């Protein structure tokens, strides 16, 4: 019979002593909110010009294909500008 192979025992990973362990750094709620606000602001800074360019391209095509004329587009913009902003539907803003 062949002799059995001895398997090396795996040792558990050594943990550094309690005094040397890196302490997890908790992010305060204010810092977390500031970071989220900065992320949203950055995303809007990228998205708003892109959306404006796409709207301009669509308006250009609408006029070029004679689906509507410039005056109708201007009236539509004025209509959108007159709508109440913010809040929930039905709330009027002062």
N, C-alpha and C. Protein backbone atom coordinates (compact mmCIF):
# COMPACT_ATOMS: atom_id res chain seq x y z
N UNK A 1 0.83 -1.18 0.00
CA UNK A 1 0.00 0.00 0.00
C UNK A 1 0.87 1.24 0.00
N UNK A 2 0.34 2.26 -0.68
CA UNK A 2 1.11 3.50 -0.71
C UNK A 2 0.82 4.32 0.55
N UNK A 3 1.84 5.00 1.02
CA UNK A 3 1.62 5.81 2.22
C UNK A 3 0.69 7.00 1.91
N UNK A 4 -0.14 7.38 2.86
CA UNK A 4 -1.06 8.49 2.68
C UNK A 4 -0.29 9.80 2.76
N UNK A 5 -0.73 10.74 1.89
CA UNK A 5 -0.09 12.05 1.91
C UNK A 5 -0.63 12.87 3.07
N UNK A 6 0.24 13.56 3.71
CA UNK A 6 -0.20 14.44 4.78
C UNK A 6 -0.57 15.78 4.17
N UNK A 7 -1.70 16.25 4.52
CA UNK A 7 -2.13 17.57 4.02
C UNK A 7 -1.68 18.64 5.00
N UNK A 8 -1.19 19.70 4.43
CA UNK A 8 -0.79 20.81 5.27
C UNK A 8 -2.04 21.49 5.81
N UNK A 9 -2.02 21.79 7.09
CA UNK A 9 -3.17 22.46 7.68
C UNK A 9 -3.14 23.94 7.32
N UNK A 10 -4.31 24.43 6.96
CA UNK A 10 -4.39 25.86 6.65
C UNK A 10 -4.56 26.62 7.95
N UNK A 11 -3.76 27.64 8.07
CA UNK A 11 -3.87 28.48 9.25
C UNK A 11 -4.83 29.63 8.96
N UNK A 12 -5.60 30.03 9.92
CA UNK A 12 -6.47 31.19 9.69
C UNK A 12 -5.62 32.44 9.49
N UNK A 13 -6.15 33.38 8.72
CA UNK A 13 -5.41 34.62 8.48
C UNK A 13 -5.17 35.34 9.80
N UNK A 14 -4.00 35.87 9.91
CA UNK A 14 -3.67 36.57 11.15
C UNK A 14 -4.28 37.96 11.12
N UNK A 15 -4.82 38.33 12.23
CA UNK A 15 -5.38 39.66 12.37
C UNK A 15 -4.38 40.52 13.12
N UNK A 16 -4.22 41.77 12.71
CA UNK A 16 -3.32 42.64 13.46
C UNK A 16 -3.91 42.91 14.85
N UNK A 17 -3.06 43.19 15.80
CA UNK A 17 -3.56 43.49 17.15
C UNK A 17 -4.55 44.65 17.12
N UNK A 18 -5.42 44.69 18.11
CA UNK A 18 -6.51 45.67 18.14
C UNK A 18 -6.01 47.11 18.01
N UNK A 19 -4.89 47.40 18.57
CA UNK A 19 -4.38 48.78 18.51
C UNK A 19 -3.89 49.17 17.13
N UNK A 20 -3.58 48.19 16.28
CA UNK A 20 -3.04 48.48 14.97
C UNK A 20 -4.06 48.33 13.85
N UNK A 21 -5.26 47.90 14.15
CA UNK A 21 -6.28 47.75 13.12
C UNK A 21 -6.72 49.12 12.62
N UNK A 22 -6.86 49.25 11.32
CA UNK A 22 -7.37 50.54 10.82
C UNK A 22 -8.84 50.69 11.19
N UNK A 23 -9.17 51.82 11.74
CA UNK A 23 -10.55 52.09 12.14
C UNK A 23 -11.35 52.53 10.92
N UNK A 24 -12.54 51.98 10.73
CA UNK A 24 -13.36 52.43 9.61
C UNK A 24 -13.77 53.88 9.82
N UNK A 25 -13.68 54.64 8.75
CA UNK A 25 -14.00 56.05 8.83
C UNK A 25 -15.45 56.22 8.43
N UNK A 26 -16.26 56.67 9.35
CA UNK A 26 -17.68 56.88 9.06
C UNK A 26 -17.84 58.26 8.43
N UNK A 27 -18.58 58.30 7.35
CA UNK A 27 -18.85 59.56 6.68
C UNK A 27 -20.07 60.17 7.35
N UNK A 28 -19.93 61.39 7.82
CA UNK A 28 -21.05 62.06 8.47
C UNK A 28 -22.19 62.29 7.49
N UNK A 29 -23.40 62.39 7.99
CA UNK A 29 -24.55 62.57 7.09
C UNK A 29 -24.42 63.83 6.25
N UNK A 30 -23.85 64.87 6.81
CA UNK A 30 -23.72 66.12 6.04
C UNK A 30 -22.75 65.93 4.88
N UNK A 31 -21.65 65.22 5.12
CA UNK A 31 -20.69 64.98 4.04
C UNK A 31 -21.29 64.09 2.97
N UNK A 32 -22.06 63.08 3.39
CA UNK A 32 -22.71 62.20 2.43
C UNK A 32 -23.71 62.96 1.57
N UNK A 33 -24.48 63.85 2.22
CA UNK A 33 -25.44 64.66 1.47
C UNK A 33 -24.74 65.61 0.51
N UNK A 34 -23.62 66.20 0.98
CA UNK A 34 -22.86 67.10 0.11
C UNK A 34 -22.31 66.37 -1.10
N UNK A 35 -21.83 65.14 -0.88
CA UNK A 35 -21.29 64.35 -1.98
C UNK A 35 -22.39 64.00 -2.98
N UNK A 36 -23.56 63.59 -2.45
CA UNK A 36 -24.68 63.26 -3.34
C UNK A 36 -25.14 64.48 -4.12
N UNK A 37 -25.20 65.62 -3.44
CA UNK A 37 -25.60 66.86 -4.10
C UNK A 37 -24.61 67.23 -5.20
N UNK A 38 -23.33 67.06 -4.94
CA UNK A 38 -22.31 67.35 -5.95
C UNK A 38 -22.45 66.41 -7.14
N UNK A 39 -22.75 65.13 -6.88
CA UNK A 39 -22.93 64.17 -7.96
C UNK A 39 -24.13 64.53 -8.83
N UNK A 40 -25.23 64.90 -8.18
CA UNK A 40 -26.43 65.28 -8.93
C UNK A 40 -26.17 66.56 -9.73
N UNK A 41 -25.49 67.51 -9.12
CA UNK A 41 -25.18 68.76 -9.80
C UNK A 41 -24.30 68.51 -11.02
N UNK A 42 -23.32 67.63 -10.88
CA UNK A 42 -22.44 67.31 -12.00
C UNK A 42 -23.22 66.63 -13.12
N UNK A 43 -24.11 65.72 -12.75
CA UNK A 43 -24.93 65.03 -13.75
C UNK A 43 -25.82 66.02 -14.50
N UNK A 44 -26.40 66.97 -13.77
CA UNK A 44 -27.25 67.97 -14.43
C UNK A 44 -26.43 68.88 -15.34
N UNK A 45 -25.23 69.22 -14.91
CA UNK A 45 -24.36 70.06 -15.75
C UNK A 45 -24.04 69.38 -17.08
N UNK A 46 -24.04 68.06 -17.07
CA UNK A 46 -23.79 67.31 -18.31
C UNK A 46 -25.07 67.14 -19.11
N UNK A 47 -26.18 66.84 -18.43
CA UNK A 47 -27.42 66.50 -19.13
C UNK A 47 -28.17 67.69 -19.71
N UNK A 48 -28.19 68.81 -19.02
CA UNK A 48 -28.99 69.96 -19.48
C UNK A 48 -28.53 70.48 -20.83
N UNK A 49 -27.24 70.72 -21.06
CA UNK A 49 -26.83 71.17 -22.39
C UNK A 49 -27.13 70.14 -23.48
N UNK A 50 -26.99 68.85 -23.15
CA UNK A 50 -27.29 67.80 -24.11
C UNK A 50 -28.77 67.81 -24.47
N UNK A 51 -29.63 67.95 -23.48
CA UNK A 51 -31.08 68.01 -23.75
C UNK A 51 -31.44 69.25 -24.56
N UNK A 52 -30.83 70.38 -24.23
CA UNK A 52 -31.10 71.60 -24.98
C UNK A 52 -30.70 71.44 -26.44
N UNK A 53 -29.57 70.80 -26.69
CA UNK A 53 -29.13 70.58 -28.07
C UNK A 53 -30.09 69.66 -28.82
N UNK A 54 -30.58 68.62 -28.13
CA UNK A 54 -31.52 67.71 -28.78
C UNK A 54 -32.84 68.39 -29.08
N UNK A 55 -33.31 69.22 -28.17
CA UNK A 55 -34.56 69.96 -28.41
C UNK A 55 -34.39 70.89 -29.60
N UNK A 56 -33.25 71.57 -29.66
CA UNK A 56 -32.99 72.47 -30.79
C UNK A 56 -32.97 71.69 -32.11
N UNK A 57 -32.38 70.50 -32.10
CA UNK A 57 -32.34 69.68 -33.32
C UNK A 57 -33.75 69.26 -33.75
N UNK A 58 -34.58 68.89 -32.78
CA UNK A 58 -35.95 68.50 -33.09
C UNK A 58 -36.73 69.68 -33.64
N UNK A 59 -36.56 70.84 -33.02
CA UNK A 59 -37.25 72.05 -33.52
C UNK A 59 -36.81 72.36 -34.95
N UNK A 60 -35.52 72.21 -35.21
CA UNK A 60 -35.01 72.46 -36.55
C UNK A 60 -35.67 71.53 -37.56
N UNK A 61 -35.78 70.24 -37.21
CA UNK A 61 -36.43 69.28 -38.11
C UNK A 61 -37.91 69.58 -38.30
N UNK A 62 -38.59 70.00 -37.24
CA UNK A 62 -40.01 70.33 -37.35
C UNK A 62 -40.23 71.47 -38.35
N UNK A 63 -39.37 72.47 -38.30
CA UNK A 63 -39.49 73.60 -39.24
C UNK A 63 -39.07 73.16 -40.64
N UNK A 64 -37.98 72.40 -40.74
CA UNK A 64 -37.48 71.97 -42.05
C UNK A 64 -38.48 71.08 -42.77
N UNK A 65 -39.15 70.19 -42.04
CA UNK A 65 -40.13 69.28 -42.66
C UNK A 65 -41.50 69.93 -42.77
N UNK A 66 -41.58 71.20 -42.41
CA UNK A 66 -42.81 71.99 -42.48
C UNK A 66 -43.95 71.37 -41.68
N UNK A 67 -43.61 70.78 -40.54
CA UNK A 67 -44.63 70.25 -39.64
C UNK A 67 -45.21 71.39 -38.82
N UNK A 68 -44.38 72.34 -38.47
CA UNK A 68 -44.84 73.57 -37.82
C UNK A 68 -43.88 74.69 -38.20
N UNK A 69 -44.29 75.91 -37.92
CA UNK A 69 -43.40 77.04 -38.24
C UNK A 69 -42.81 77.62 -36.96
N UNK A 70 -41.91 78.56 -37.12
CA UNK A 70 -41.19 79.13 -35.98
C UNK A 70 -42.13 79.79 -34.98
N UNK A 71 -43.17 80.45 -35.48
CA UNK A 71 -44.11 81.14 -34.59
C UNK A 71 -44.80 80.14 -33.65
N UNK A 72 -45.15 78.98 -34.19
CA UNK A 72 -45.78 77.96 -33.35
C UNK A 72 -44.82 77.45 -32.28
N UNK A 73 -43.55 77.30 -32.64
CA UNK A 73 -42.56 76.88 -31.65
C UNK A 73 -42.38 77.92 -30.55
N UNK A 74 -42.39 79.19 -30.95
CA UNK A 74 -42.25 80.28 -29.98
C UNK A 74 -43.45 80.29 -29.04
N UNK A 75 -44.67 80.11 -29.59
CA UNK A 75 -45.87 80.05 -28.75
C UNK A 75 -45.80 78.86 -27.79
N UNK A 76 -45.30 77.73 -28.25
CA UNK A 76 -45.19 76.55 -27.38
C UNK A 76 -44.21 76.81 -26.24
N UNK A 77 -43.10 77.49 -26.53
CA UNK A 77 -42.14 77.83 -25.47
C UNK A 77 -42.77 78.77 -24.45
N UNK A 78 -43.52 79.76 -24.94
CA UNK A 78 -44.17 80.70 -24.02
C UNK A 78 -45.19 79.97 -23.15
N UNK A 79 -45.91 79.00 -23.73
CA UNK A 79 -46.88 78.24 -22.95
C UNK A 79 -46.19 77.47 -21.84
N UNK A 80 -45.06 76.86 -22.14
CA UNK A 80 -44.32 76.09 -21.14
C UNK A 80 -43.78 77.02 -20.06
N UNK A 81 -43.31 78.21 -20.43
CA UNK A 81 -42.78 79.16 -19.46
C UNK A 81 -43.84 79.68 -18.51
N UNK A 82 -45.12 79.69 -18.93
CA UNK A 82 -46.20 80.22 -18.09
C UNK A 82 -46.70 79.21 -17.07
N UNK A 83 -46.37 77.92 -17.23
CA UNK A 83 -46.84 76.90 -16.30
C UNK A 83 -46.22 77.10 -14.93
N UNK A 84 -46.98 76.80 -13.87
CA UNK A 84 -46.39 76.91 -12.52
C UNK A 84 -45.27 75.89 -12.35
N UNK A 85 -44.26 76.25 -11.58
CA UNK A 85 -43.09 75.38 -11.40
C UNK A 85 -43.02 74.89 -9.97
N UNK A 86 -42.38 73.75 -9.81
CA UNK A 86 -42.10 73.22 -8.49
C UNK A 86 -43.35 72.73 -7.78
N UNK A 87 -43.14 72.06 -6.66
CA UNK A 87 -44.25 71.57 -5.87
C UNK A 87 -44.98 70.44 -6.55
N UNK A 88 -46.11 70.10 -6.00
CA UNK A 88 -46.91 69.04 -6.56
C UNK A 88 -47.94 69.64 -7.50
N UNK A 89 -48.55 68.80 -8.30
CA UNK A 89 -49.56 69.25 -9.24
C UNK A 89 -50.68 69.95 -8.48
N UNK A 90 -51.07 71.10 -8.94
CA UNK A 90 -52.15 71.84 -8.29
C UNK A 90 -51.64 72.88 -7.31
N UNK A 91 -50.42 72.74 -6.81
CA UNK A 91 -49.87 73.74 -5.90
C UNK A 91 -49.41 74.94 -6.71
N UNK A 92 -49.75 76.11 -6.21
CA UNK A 92 -49.29 77.31 -6.90
C UNK A 92 -48.10 77.87 -6.15
N UNK A 93 -47.15 78.35 -6.91
CA UNK A 93 -45.95 78.90 -6.31
C UNK A 93 -46.04 80.41 -6.33
N UNK A 94 -45.72 81.05 -5.20
CA UNK A 94 -45.77 82.52 -5.13
C UNK A 94 -44.56 83.15 -5.68
